[in-house]
Amino acid sequence: MILPAVLVRRGKYSIADPLFVEERRPVLVARRARRGAEAGDLVLVDVHETRRSLRGEVVRVIGTSEDPRNVYEALFASIGTSPRFPRRVEEEAEKVAGRGFSERRKDLRALPTVTIDGEDAMDFDDAISVERTSDGYRVWVHIADVTHYVDPEGALDLEAARRGNSVYLPGRVAPMLPARLSADVCSLVPGAERAAVTVEMDLDHSGAVRESRIYRSRIASDARLTYEGVDAFLRGEGRIEQPRLVTEAHELARRLKTRAAVRGKLELESREPEYELDDDGVPISARMRGASPARELIEELMILANEQVAMEIIDRPGGIFRVHERPEAQALEELGRQLDAIGLADEPSPENLSVIAQKAKSGAVGYLILRSLPRAYYSPSNVGHFGLALENYTHFTSPIRRYADILVHRALFGCGRSGEDLWEIAEHISEREFRSMICERTADEYTLMWLMRDRVGETFEGVVVSTTSFGLFVELESGATGLVHVSKLPGWWELDESGVVLSNDEIGASYRVGDRVLVELLDVFPLYQRAELRVVKRL
């Protein structure tokens, strides 16, 4: 078993302290097995267990643990991925990159088309065209035709299937496909002719789909727009290319969002960190970003296309769906006890979770709801998507970074997998997605704490997002989450049966999930994603 670890000295011995694992048992490394690694270095260690201890041999020295870029490299290694590819995969990517386009593709190069992504986006696999018609809207969602270049069972395909998806860490990416494809010939960059798969839809004025068509196309994006630029334009604070297209797309997205709310789509407040990097790719600051009109615009149009494609592949071999099952009754009962304990009397049901979240206006309540839900996954069995309140849903719109989407593209055009093999790959890519999500969250937690390494002694506002028998977890305004250990609280504290209230009956005090507090940062250990806090006062 190969693990990422940091090398430390304990007396005359070298110890590899495993990172990014739940159980951190120290690994003894003999001098001759260090491969030149020094204390403080990040390493990959081949670990084996003896009767008395774990012993290991360094198989790769990554570099000093003080450099975030090395930490990201270790994180990639922890889930078996990398920004680099085997030579045979790179060679195949170079070979297929020169493939021409079939003349049978529908030529949409004259159609006004834009991409809208974050300023730091690294690949562009979706573009949109929207126009208002006399009886509603016509929408084109164009998706990079990755399957034009990636042949089934080829080196590219096997490696993409193994990886399952791209993994994005601050300023770095371990792509599912080599850059020759992901950042070049498949990427829908402006001014370049690209092979695409287009979902063309006619909608009425309310946003209901009246008719849809799916076909291979040839497109050329007119502009690479950003969420930030589009948001500014929609506020009346800036100018962008293709303003009419964006205005009409925003108008339609608002109607789609209204329809989603009516059908019961679950809306939970979410925030993600966005980083500023220096010229060497090292984070120098971060800010938390939430939903915005531009992001919602793209989200609603992608959901619309994914739903249409899901209905198209229901009876086709190789169809794979993005499914999200309804929460179990036991989970909702537990959620009800938690909500009651923090002063929310609403009895949760599958139909009112979004209403509860909106009523509470608390990200902490959103966390509780999220924990009560099963995890979404990929399956050949179409059981619907609870969170989106859709009977049919799949992932079609990101084939550059998700293998599931490649499978769906193949199913659309009659070359999909079938049988037990399809179930196995669905299970595999679901697991890869989960491990990648944990990796990305760990990178965020590490980075946010690393940026606070010189702020020990400062105070921060935060919200209690979890309570345990040993303390409070507080999410800070920076986005990082730290622990107020019970030893930093006066007297004896106990966790109530709901698991969301920590109380001290002797002094009549308690802390509940959702409470706002001012805390002092006592110490921070970024490599272990640990920050120690002290409550200064309630807010």
Protein backbone atom coordinates (compact mmCIF):
# COMPACT_ATOMS: atom_id res chain seq x y z
CA MET A 1 0.00 0.00 0.00
CA ILE A 2 1.45 3.36 -1.06
CA LEU A 3 0.52 6.37 1.07
CA PRO A 4 1.44 10.07 1.02
CA ALA A 5 3.15 11.09 4.24
CA VAL A 6 5.33 13.73 5.83
CA LEU A 7 8.71 12.56 7.10
CA VAL A 8 9.49 13.48 10.72
CA ARG A 9 12.39 12.64 13.05
CA ARG A 10 11.74 11.03 16.42
CA GLY A 11 15.00 10.54 18.18
CA LYS A 12 17.30 8.53 15.94
CA TYR A 13 14.42 7.17 13.89
CA SER A 14 12.62 8.52 10.83
CA ILE A 15 8.84 8.30 10.89
CA ALA A 16 6.48 8.73 7.96
CA ASP A 17 3.30 10.35 9.30
CA PRO A 18 0.51 9.42 6.84
CA LEU A 19 -1.61 12.23 5.43
CA PHE A 20 -5.20 12.43 4.15
CA VAL A 21 -6.27 9.16 5.79
CA GLU A 22 -8.64 8.54 8.70
CA GLU A 23 -6.23 6.31 10.64
CA ARG A 24 -2.80 7.91 10.96
CA ARG A 25 -0.55 5.16 12.30
CA PRO A 26 3.14 6.14 12.18
CA VAL A 27 5.33 4.25 9.71
CA LEU A 28 8.94 3.46 10.63
CA VAL A 29 11.36 4.23 7.78
CA ALA A 30 14.93 2.92 7.94
CA ARG A 31 17.76 5.28 6.96
CA ARG A 32 18.55 3.29 3.81
CA ALA A 33 14.86 3.39 2.80
CA ARG A 34 14.55 7.20 2.89
CA ARG A 35 15.92 7.81 -0.61
CA GLY A 36 17.46 11.07 0.49
CA ALA A 37 14.27 12.48 2.02
CA GLU A 38 14.75 14.86 4.94
CA ALA A 39 12.53 15.70 7.88
CA GLY A 40 9.66 17.90 6.68
CA ASP A 41 9.57 16.40 3.19
CA LEU A 42 6.42 15.04 1.62
CA VAL A 43 6.95 11.51 0.37
CA LEU A 44 5.13 8.52 -1.03
CA VAL A 45 5.76 5.47 1.14
CA ASP A 46 5.27 1.80 0.34
CA VAL A 47 3.88 0.48 3.63
CA HIS A 48 3.79 -3.07 4.99
CA GLU A 49 2.75 -4.33 8.40
CA THR A 50 4.92 -6.40 10.73
CA ARG A 51 3.91 -7.98 14.02
CA ARG A 52 4.90 -4.90 16.00
CA SER A 53 4.63 -1.92 13.70
CA LEU A 54 4.18 -0.45 10.25
CA ARG A 55 7.35 -0.19 8.20
CA GLY A 56 7.83 1.56 4.92
CA GLU A 57 10.13 2.52 2.11
CA VAL A 58 10.09 5.87 0.35
CA VAL A 59 9.26 5.34 -3.31
CA ARG A 60 9.15 9.03 -4.24
CA VAL A 61 10.23 12.30 -2.67
CA ILE A 62 7.74 15.03 -3.57
CA GLY A 63 9.42 17.96 -1.77
CA THR A 64 9.12 20.21 1.23
CA SER A 65 5.80 20.23 3.06
CA GLU A 66 6.02 24.03 3.32
CA ASP A 67 5.11 24.45 -0.37
CA PRO A 68 1.36 24.14 -1.15
CA ARG A 69 2.13 22.88 -4.65
CA ASN A 70 3.79 19.82 -3.14
CA VAL A 71 0.78 19.26 -0.89
CA TYR A 72 -1.49 19.30 -3.93
CA GLU A 73 0.80 16.76 -5.62
CA ALA A 74 0.52 14.52 -2.56
CA LEU A 75 -3.26 14.90 -2.62
CA PHE A 76 -3.41 13.83 -6.25
CA ALA A 77 -1.29 10.81 -5.37
CA SER A 78 -3.61 9.95 -2.46
CA ILE A 79 -6.40 9.11 -4.92
CA GLY A 80 -4.21 7.65 -7.64
CA THR A 81 -4.32 10.46 -10.16
CA SER A 82 -1.85 12.97 -11.56
CA PRO A 83 -1.54 15.94 -13.94
CA ARG A 84 0.72 13.65 -16.00
CA PHE A 85 -0.26 10.79 -18.31
CA PRO A 86 1.47 7.61 -19.48
CA ARG A 87 3.36 8.08 -22.73
CA ARG A 88 1.05 5.77 -24.71
CA VAL A 89 -1.93 7.94 -23.72
CA GLU A 90 -0.20 11.18 -24.72
CA GLU A 91 0.83 9.61 -28.03
CA GLU A 92 -2.71 8.50 -28.80
CA ALA A 93 -4.03 11.98 -27.93
CA GLU A 94 -1.58 13.53 -30.38
CA LYS A 95 -2.56 11.03 -33.05
CA VAL A 96 -6.33 11.54 -32.82
CA ALA A 97 -6.10 15.32 -32.45
CA GLY A 98 -5.81 15.69 -36.22
CA ARG A 99 -9.07 13.98 -37.05
CA GLY A 100 -11.29 15.99 -39.38
CA PHE A 101 -15.01 16.61 -38.99
CA SER A 102 -17.65 14.65 -40.87
CA GLU A 103 -19.54 16.65 -43.51
CA ARG A 104 -22.75 15.17 -42.10
CA ARG A 105 -22.52 17.45 -39.09
CA LYS A 106 -24.99 20.30 -38.95
CA ASP A 107 -23.15 23.55 -39.59
CA LEU A 108 -23.93 26.02 -36.79
CA ARG A 109 -20.86 28.21 -37.17
CA ALA A 110 -22.96 31.26 -38.08
CA LEU A 111 -25.15 30.89 -34.98
CA PRO A 112 -24.25 33.39 -32.20
CA THR A 113 -22.64 31.23 -29.51
CA VAL A 114 -20.82 31.88 -26.24
CA THR A 115 -19.22 30.02 -23.36
CA ILE A 116 -19.71 31.26 -19.79
CA ASP A 117 -17.31 29.99 -17.13
CA GLY A 118 -15.25 31.16 -14.18
CA GLU A 119 -12.22 33.36 -14.77
CA ASP A 120 -9.96 30.46 -13.76
CA ALA A 121 -11.68 27.83 -15.93
CA MET A 122 -9.24 25.38 -17.47
CA ASP A 123 -11.44 23.69 -20.08
CA PHE A 124 -14.57 24.67 -21.98
CA ASP A 125 -16.90 21.81 -22.80
CA ASP A 126 -20.24 23.64 -23.03
CA ALA A 127 -21.50 26.60 -25.04
CA ILE A 128 -24.96 28.11 -25.48
CA SER A 129 -27.06 29.87 -28.09
CA VAL A 130 -30.42 31.40 -27.15
CA GLU A 131 -32.95 33.46 -29.06
CA ARG A 132 -36.46 34.63 -28.29
CA THR A 133 -39.12 33.46 -30.74
CA SER A 134 -42.73 34.47 -31.35
CA ASP A 135 -44.00 31.66 -29.14
CA GLY A 136 -41.18 31.37 -26.59
CA TYR A 137 -37.50 30.54 -26.92
CA ARG A 138 -35.15 28.44 -28.99
CA VAL A 139 -32.10 27.14 -27.14
CA TRP A 140 -29.03 25.32 -28.35
CA VAL A 141 -26.75 23.70 -25.79
CA HIS A 142 -23.51 22.70 -27.54
CA ILE A 143 -21.25 20.13 -25.88
CA ALA A 144 -17.75 19.15 -26.99
CA ASP A 145 -17.89 15.95 -29.03
CA VAL A 146 -15.20 14.14 -27.09
CA THR A 147 -16.23 10.72 -28.44
CA HIS A 148 -15.16 11.90 -31.90
CA TYR A 149 -11.60 11.62 -30.58
CA VAL A 150 -11.79 8.99 -27.81
CA ASP A 151 -12.27 5.50 -29.22
CA PRO A 152 -13.79 2.74 -27.06
CA GLU A 153 -11.15 0.55 -25.41
CA GLY A 154 -8.29 2.69 -26.71
CA ALA A 155 -5.50 3.95 -24.43
CA LEU A 156 -7.29 7.29 -23.98
CA ASP A 157 -10.57 5.60 -23.12
CA LEU A 158 -9.07 3.15 -20.64
CA GLU A 159 -7.17 5.89 -18.83
CA ALA A 160 -10.22 8.18 -18.76
CA ALA A 161 -12.33 5.35 -17.36
CA ARG A 162 -9.71 4.60 -14.71
CA ARG A 163 -9.57 8.25 -13.59
CA GLY A 164 -13.34 8.68 -13.82
CA ASN A 165 -13.21 12.47 -13.78
CA SER A 166 -10.92 15.49 -13.65
CA VAL A 167 -9.80 16.68 -10.22
CA TYR A 168 -9.42 20.41 -9.58
CA LEU A 169 -7.20 21.75 -6.79
CA PRO A 170 -6.19 25.42 -6.33
CA GLY A 171 -4.37 26.43 -9.50
CA ARG A 172 -3.89 22.81 -10.56
CA VAL A 173 -5.82 20.10 -12.34
CA ALA A 174 -5.39 16.39 -12.87
CA PRO A 175 -7.46 16.18 -16.06
CA MET A 176 -9.34 13.11 -17.20
CA LEU A 177 -7.94 13.61 -20.70
CA PRO A 178 -4.51 14.93 -21.79
CA ALA A 179 -4.21 18.66 -22.43
CA ARG A 180 -3.94 18.07 -26.20
CA LEU A 181 -7.63 17.21 -26.04
CA SER A 182 -9.00 18.76 -22.83
CA ALA A 183 -7.42 22.19 -23.29
CA ASP A 184 -7.04 22.18 -27.05
CA VAL A 185 -8.95 20.35 -29.79
CA CYS A 186 -12.03 19.49 -27.65
CA SER A 187 -12.19 22.79 -25.76
CA LEU A 188 -14.78 25.21 -27.15
CA VAL A 189 -12.45 28.20 -27.28
CA PRO A 190 -13.65 31.29 -29.17
CA GLY A 191 -12.94 31.64 -32.87
CA ALA A 192 -12.10 27.96 -33.42
CA GLU A 193 -14.20 25.42 -35.30
CA ARG A 194 -15.10 22.55 -33.03
CA ALA A 195 -16.94 19.24 -33.23
CA ALA A 196 -19.94 19.29 -30.90
CA VAL A 197 -23.11 17.49 -29.92
CA THR A 198 -26.02 19.93 -29.83
CA VAL A 199 -29.32 19.72 -27.99
CA GLU A 200 -31.71 22.09 -29.76
CA MET A 201 -34.90 22.87 -27.86
CA ASP A 202 -38.07 24.85 -28.53
CA LEU A 203 -39.66 26.19 -25.34
CA ASP A 204 -42.84 28.09 -24.63
CA HIS A 205 -42.88 31.40 -22.77
CA SER A 206 -42.94 29.66 -19.36
CA GLY A 207 -39.86 27.57 -20.16
CA ALA A 208 -41.62 24.26 -20.86
CA VAL A 209 -39.95 22.20 -23.62
CA ARG A 210 -42.24 21.62 -26.59
CA GLU A 211 -39.76 19.82 -28.82
CA SER A 212 -36.08 18.85 -28.78
CA ARG A 213 -33.55 17.53 -31.28
CA ILE A 214 -30.08 16.07 -30.63
CA TYR A 215 -27.43 15.88 -33.33
CA ARG A 216 -23.74 16.20 -34.10
CA SER A 217 -22.71 19.69 -35.14
CA ARG A 218 -19.90 22.00 -36.15
CA ILE A 219 -19.72 25.21 -34.10
CA ALA A 220 -17.51 28.22 -33.49
CA SER A 221 -17.88 30.12 -30.22
CA ASP A 222 -18.00 33.88 -30.62
CA ALA A 223 -16.87 34.80 -27.12
CA ARG A 224 -15.43 33.39 -23.92
CA LEU A 225 -17.52 35.13 -21.24
CA THR A 226 -16.97 34.87 -17.49
CA TYR A 227 -19.46 34.59 -14.65
CA GLU A 228 -18.01 37.75 -13.18
CA GLY A 229 -18.37 39.71 -16.42
CA VAL A 230 -21.90 38.47 -17.08
CA ASP A 231 -22.99 39.27 -13.52
CA ALA A 232 -21.63 42.80 -13.89
CA PHE A 233 -23.46 43.20 -17.22
CA LEU A 234 -26.73 41.98 -15.71
CA ARG A 235 -26.32 44.56 -12.94
CA GLY A 236 -25.88 47.24 -15.59
CA GLU A 237 -22.22 47.79 -14.69
CA GLY A 238 -20.35 46.59 -17.75
CA ARG A 239 -20.40 45.59 -21.39
CA ILE A 240 -19.96 42.14 -22.91
CA GLU A 241 -19.97 40.49 -26.30
CA GLN A 242 -23.29 39.06 -27.49
CA PRO A 243 -25.38 41.10 -25.01
CA ARG A 244 -28.72 40.15 -26.62
CA LEU A 245 -27.97 36.44 -26.35
CA VAL A 246 -27.06 36.81 -22.67
CA THR A 247 -30.08 38.95 -21.86
CA GLU A 248 -32.48 36.46 -23.41
CA ALA A 249 -30.69 33.51 -21.78
CA HIS A 250 -30.97 35.21 -18.38
CA GLU A 251 -34.65 35.90 -18.95
CA LEU A 252 -35.23 32.24 -19.81
CA ALA A 253 -33.14 30.99 -16.87
CA ARG A 254 -35.34 32.94 -14.45
CA ARG A 255 -38.40 31.18 -15.88
CA LEU A 256 -36.65 27.81 -15.63
CA LYS A 257 -35.71 28.54 -12.02
CA THR A 258 -39.34 29.34 -11.22
CA ARG A 259 -40.46 26.07 -12.80
CA ALA A 260 -37.82 24.20 -10.79
CA ALA A 261 -39.07 25.71 -7.55
CA VAL A 262 -42.67 24.76 -8.39
CA ARG A 263 -41.75 21.15 -9.11
CA GLY A 264 -39.83 20.94 -5.81
CA LYS A 265 -36.14 21.27 -6.68
CA LEU A 266 -34.09 21.30 -3.47
CA GLU A 267 -32.24 24.61 -3.09
CA LEU A 268 -29.51 24.70 -0.45
CA GLU A 269 -27.19 27.61 0.16
CA SER A 270 -23.65 26.75 -0.89
CA ARG A 271 -20.34 28.59 -0.94
CA GLU A 272 -17.06 27.65 -2.57
CA PRO A 273 -13.60 29.18 -2.17
CA GLU A 274 -12.06 31.05 -5.06
CA TYR A 275 -8.30 31.65 -4.96
CA GLU A 276 -5.92 34.31 -6.18
CA LEU A 277 -2.55 32.83 -7.17
CA ASP A 278 0.85 34.42 -7.59
CA ASP A 279 2.95 33.98 -10.73
CA ASP A 280 4.28 30.66 -9.41
CA GLY A 281 0.82 29.22 -8.83
CA VAL A 282 0.89 29.60 -5.05
CA PRO A 283 -2.36 30.82 -3.40
CA ILE A 284 -2.08 34.30 -1.89
CA SER A 285 -5.72 34.97 -0.99
CA ALA A 286 -9.18 33.45 -1.08
CA ARG A 287 -12.76 34.59 -1.09
CA MET A 288 -15.99 32.64 -0.76
CA ARG A 289 -18.35 32.71 -3.70
CA GLY A 290 -22.00 31.74 -3.75
CA ALA A 291 -24.72 31.51 -6.35
CA SER A 292 -25.02 34.30 -8.90
CA PRO A 293 -27.31 35.04 -11.87
CA ALA A 294 -24.64 33.98 -14.37
CA ARG A 295 -23.95 30.68 -12.62
CA GLU A 296 -27.66 29.97 -12.28
CA LEU A 297 -28.12 30.78 -15.98
CA ILE A 298 -25.65 28.09 -17.02
CA GLU A 299 -26.86 25.64 -14.37
CA GLU A 300 -30.48 25.85 -15.52
CA LEU A 301 -29.62 25.42 -19.21
CA MET A 302 -27.34 22.45 -18.49
CA ILE A 303 -30.03 20.79 -16.34
CA LEU A 304 -32.49 21.35 -19.18
CA ALA A 305 -30.20 19.66 -21.72
CA ASN A 306 -29.34 16.79 -19.38
CA GLU A 307 -33.02 16.06 -18.82
CA GLN A 308 -33.75 15.96 -22.55
CA VAL A 309 -30.84 13.62 -23.17
CA ALA A 310 -31.91 11.34 -20.29
CA MET A 311 -35.32 10.92 -21.90
CA GLU A 312 -33.64 10.14 -25.22
CA ILE A 313 -31.43 7.31 -23.89
CA ILE A 314 -33.99 5.54 -21.67
CA ASP A 315 -34.44 2.68 -24.14
CA ARG A 316 -30.98 2.75 -25.70
CA PRO A 317 -28.19 0.32 -24.79
CA GLY A 318 -25.43 1.87 -22.71
CA GLY A 319 -27.59 4.53 -21.09
CA ILE A 320 -26.31 5.63 -17.70
CA PHE A 321 -28.20 7.99 -15.42
CA ARG A 322 -27.38 10.44 -12.65
CA VAL A 323 -29.66 9.28 -9.86
CA HIS A 324 -30.45 10.64 -6.41
CA GLU A 325 -32.76 8.60 -4.23
CA ARG A 326 -35.32 10.01 -1.82
CA PRO A 327 -34.19 10.34 1.82
CA GLU A 328 -35.10 7.45 4.08
CA ALA A 329 -37.77 7.90 6.73
CA GLN A 330 -35.27 7.22 9.51
CA ALA A 331 -32.95 9.96 8.25
CA LEU A 332 -35.82 12.44 8.14
CA GLU A 333 -36.89 11.51 11.67
CA GLU A 334 -33.34 12.18 12.88
CA LEU A 335 -33.31 15.48 10.99
CA GLY A 336 -36.60 16.40 12.64
CA ARG A 337 -35.10 15.87 16.10
CA GLN A 338 -32.11 18.01 15.16
CA LEU A 339 -34.22 20.83 13.78
CA ASP A 340 -36.45 20.77 16.87
CA ALA A 341 -33.36 20.96 19.10
CA ILE A 342 -32.18 24.16 17.42
CA GLY A 343 -35.60 25.78 17.53
CA LEU A 344 -37.13 24.90 14.17
CA ALA A 345 -40.49 23.23 14.67
CA ASP A 346 -41.04 22.21 11.03
CA GLU A 347 -41.42 18.47 10.58
CA PRO A 348 -39.24 17.56 7.57
CA SER A 349 -40.61 15.62 4.64
CA PRO A 350 -39.20 14.99 1.15
CA GLU A 351 -41.50 17.75 -0.12
CA ASN A 352 -40.62 20.56 2.29
CA LEU A 353 -36.84 20.36 2.76
CA SER A 354 -36.21 23.28 0.43
CA VAL A 355 -38.84 25.37 2.23
CA ILE A 356 -37.18 24.64 5.58
CA ALA A 357 -33.76 25.63 4.23
CA GLN A 358 -35.08 28.88 2.78
CA LYS A 359 -37.04 29.68 5.93
CA ALA A 360 -34.04 29.12 8.19
CA LYS A 361 -31.71 31.19 5.96
CA SER A 362 -28.80 29.37 7.56
CA GLY A 363 -26.01 27.49 5.87
CA ALA A 364 -25.71 25.37 9.00
CA VAL A 365 -29.29 24.14 8.59
CA GLY A 366 -28.43 23.38 4.97
CA TYR A 367 -25.57 21.18 6.21
CA LEU A 368 -27.98 19.25 8.43
CA ILE A 369 -30.36 18.71 5.54
CA LEU A 370 -27.53 17.66 3.26
CA ARG A 371 -26.34 15.08 5.79
CA SER A 372 -29.82 13.53 5.84
CA LEU A 373 -29.75 12.88 2.09
CA PRO A 374 -28.30 9.89 0.28
CA ARG A 375 -25.39 10.49 -2.08
CA ALA A 376 -26.09 10.90 -5.79
CA TYR A 377 -24.47 8.30 -8.03
CA TYR A 378 -24.37 6.83 -11.54
CA SER A 379 -26.51 3.87 -12.49
CA PRO A 380 -27.91 2.09 -15.57
CA SER A 381 -31.21 2.05 -13.65
CA ASN A 382 -33.18 5.27 -14.04
CA VAL A 383 -34.73 5.90 -10.61
CA GLY A 384 -34.92 9.68 -10.92
CA HIS A 385 -33.18 12.58 -9.21
CA PHE A 386 -34.73 13.66 -5.91
CA GLY A 387 -32.68 16.83 -5.43
CA LEU A 388 -33.63 18.20 -8.84
CA ALA A 389 -37.18 16.80 -8.63
CA LEU A 390 -36.80 15.17 -12.04
CA GLU A 391 -37.90 11.71 -13.17
CA ASN A 392 -35.19 11.59 -15.83
CA TYR A 393 -31.71 12.96 -15.45
CA THR A 394 -28.21 12.17 -16.66
CA HIS A 395 -24.81 13.81 -17.06
CA PHE A 396 -24.16 14.77 -20.67
CA THR A 397 -22.76 18.29 -20.56
CA SER A 398 -19.15 17.75 -19.36
CA PRO A 399 -17.48 14.94 -21.34
CA ILE A 400 -14.06 16.62 -21.10
CA ARG A 401 -14.03 16.09 -17.34
CA ARG A 402 -16.52 13.25 -16.58
CA TYR A 403 -16.38 9.73 -17.98
CA ALA A 404 -20.11 9.25 -17.31
CA ASP A 405 -20.80 11.87 -19.97
CA ILE A 406 -18.67 9.99 -22.51
CA LEU A 407 -20.80 6.89 -21.89
CA VAL A 408 -23.97 8.94 -22.42
CA HIS A 409 -22.66 10.42 -25.69
CA ARG A 410 -21.94 6.90 -26.94
CA ALA A 411 -25.41 5.70 -25.95
CA LEU A 412 -26.93 8.58 -27.92
CA PHE A 413 -25.26 7.48 -31.12
CA GLY A 414 -25.59 3.72 -30.85
CA CYS A 415 -22.23 2.60 -29.48
CA GLY A 416 -22.95 2.24 -25.76
CA ARG A 417 -21.87 -0.51 -23.37
CA SER A 418 -24.33 -3.03 -21.96
CA GLY A 419 -24.70 -5.84 -19.43
CA GLU A 420 -22.75 -6.35 -16.21
CA ASP A 421 -19.86 -4.29 -17.56
CA LEU A 422 -22.03 -1.17 -17.50
CA TRP A 423 -23.01 -1.73 -13.85
CA GLU A 424 -19.36 -2.19 -12.91
CA ILE A 425 -18.19 0.99 -14.64
CA ALA A 426 -21.10 2.94 -13.11
CA GLU A 427 -20.06 1.79 -9.63
CA HIS A 428 -16.41 2.58 -10.36
CA ILE A 429 -16.97 6.13 -11.60
CA SER A 430 -19.34 6.82 -8.70
CA GLU A 431 -16.59 5.83 -6.27
CA ARG A 432 -13.97 7.84 -8.18
CA GLU A 433 -16.23 10.88 -8.04
CA PHE A 434 -16.64 10.53 -4.28
CA ARG A 435 -12.89 10.18 -3.66
CA SER A 436 -12.20 13.16 -5.92
CA MET A 437 -14.73 15.27 -4.03
CA ILE A 438 -13.03 14.43 -0.72
CA CYS A 439 -9.66 15.28 -2.27
CA GLU A 440 -10.90 18.67 -3.48
CA ARG A 441 -12.50 19.48 -0.13
CA THR A 442 -9.31 18.50 1.69
CA ALA A 443 -7.31 20.79 -0.60
CA ASP A 444 -9.69 23.66 0.14
CA GLU A 445 -9.51 23.10 3.89
CA TYR A 446 -5.70 22.88 3.76
CA THR A 447 -5.38 25.99 1.58
CA LEU A 448 -7.74 28.12 3.64
CA MET A 449 -5.83 27.20 6.79
CA TRP A 450 -2.45 27.72 5.10
CA LEU A 451 -3.55 31.25 4.21
CA MET A 452 -4.31 31.85 7.94
CA ARG A 453 -0.93 30.57 9.17
CA ASP A 454 0.21 34.11 10.06
CA ARG A 455 -3.09 35.12 11.66
CA VAL A 456 -2.83 33.23 14.95
CA GLY A 457 -4.20 35.46 17.71
CA GLU A 458 -6.70 37.21 15.46
CA THR A 459 -10.45 36.95 15.90
CA PHE A 460 -12.98 35.81 13.30
CA GLU A 461 -16.72 35.61 13.02
CA GLY A 462 -18.11 32.16 12.42
CA VAL A 463 -21.08 29.83 12.70
CA VAL A 464 -21.33 26.54 14.57
CA VAL A 465 -21.84 23.88 11.90
CA SER A 466 -21.41 20.75 14.02
CA THR A 467 -21.31 19.74 17.68
CA THR A 468 -19.62 16.67 19.13
CA SER A 469 -18.88 15.32 22.58
CA PHE A 470 -15.41 16.89 22.35
CA GLY A 471 -16.34 20.36 21.10
CA LEU A 472 -17.75 22.68 18.47
CA PHE A 473 -16.82 22.89 14.82
CA VAL A 474 -17.04 26.49 13.65
CA GLU A 475 -16.98 27.58 10.02
CA LEU A 476 -15.12 30.89 9.83
CA GLU A 477 -15.86 33.81 7.56
CA SER A 478 -12.76 32.72 5.58
CA GLY A 479 -14.43 29.39 4.77
CA ALA A 480 -12.14 27.25 6.93
CA THR A 481 -13.57 25.14 9.74
CA GLY A 482 -11.88 24.96 13.15
CA LEU A 483 -12.51 23.22 16.46
CA VAL A 484 -13.34 24.73 19.82
CA HIS A 485 -12.33 21.86 22.08
CA VAL A 486 -14.40 21.34 25.24
CA SER A 487 -11.23 21.96 27.24
CA LYS A 488 -11.44 25.58 26.02
CA LEU A 489 -14.97 25.90 27.47
CA PRO A 490 -15.69 26.45 31.18
CA GLY A 491 -16.90 23.47 33.22
CA TRP A 492 -18.43 20.19 32.07
CA TRP A 493 -20.24 20.00 28.71
CA GLU A 494 -22.44 17.24 27.33
CA LEU A 495 -23.86 16.52 23.90
CA ASP A 496 -27.62 16.09 23.86
CA GLU A 497 -29.42 13.19 22.18
CA SER A 498 -30.05 15.18 19.01
CA GLY A 499 -26.32 15.59 18.45
CA VAL A 500 -26.64 19.28 17.61
CA VAL A 501 -26.57 20.93 21.04
CA LEU A 502 -23.61 21.01 23.45
CA SER A 503 -24.73 22.07 26.93
CA ASN A 504 -23.39 22.91 30.38
CA ASP A 505 -26.30 22.58 32.81
CA GLU A 506 -24.30 23.93 35.77
CA ILE A 507 -23.96 27.36 34.21
CA GLY A 508 -27.09 27.15 32.04
CA ALA A 509 -25.23 27.60 28.78
CA SER A 510 -25.38 25.79 25.46
CA TYR A 511 -24.15 26.01 21.87
CA ARG A 512 -26.37 24.90 19.01
CA VAL A 513 -25.72 24.29 15.33
CA GLY A 514 -26.40 27.61 13.63
CA ASP A 515 -25.18 29.81 16.51
CA ARG A 516 -22.97 32.69 15.45
CA VAL A 517 -19.82 33.26 17.48
CA LEU A 518 -16.67 35.34 17.58
CA VAL A 519 -13.62 33.10 17.97
CA GLU A 520 -9.89 33.54 18.41
CA LEU A 521 -7.49 31.49 16.31
CA LEU A 522 -5.19 29.80 18.84
CA ASP A 523 -3.17 27.64 16.45
CA VAL A 524 -3.37 26.20 12.97
CA PHE A 525 -1.91 23.04 11.42
CA PRO A 526 -2.72 23.24 7.70
CA LEU A 527 -1.13 19.92 6.71
CA TYR A 528 -3.54 18.11 9.03
CA GLN A 529 -6.48 20.46 8.28
CA ARG A 530 -6.70 21.37 11.95
CA ALA A 531 -7.37 24.79 13.47
CA GLU A 532 -7.75 25.35 17.21
CA LEU A 533 -10.20 28.05 18.30
CA ARG A 534 -11.49 29.71 21.45
CA VAL A 535 -14.91 31.34 21.78
CA VAL A 536 -14.59 35.04 22.58
CA LYS A 537 -18.32 35.79 22.62
CA ARG A 538 -21.62 34.97 21.02
CA LEU A 539 -22.91 37.17 18.21
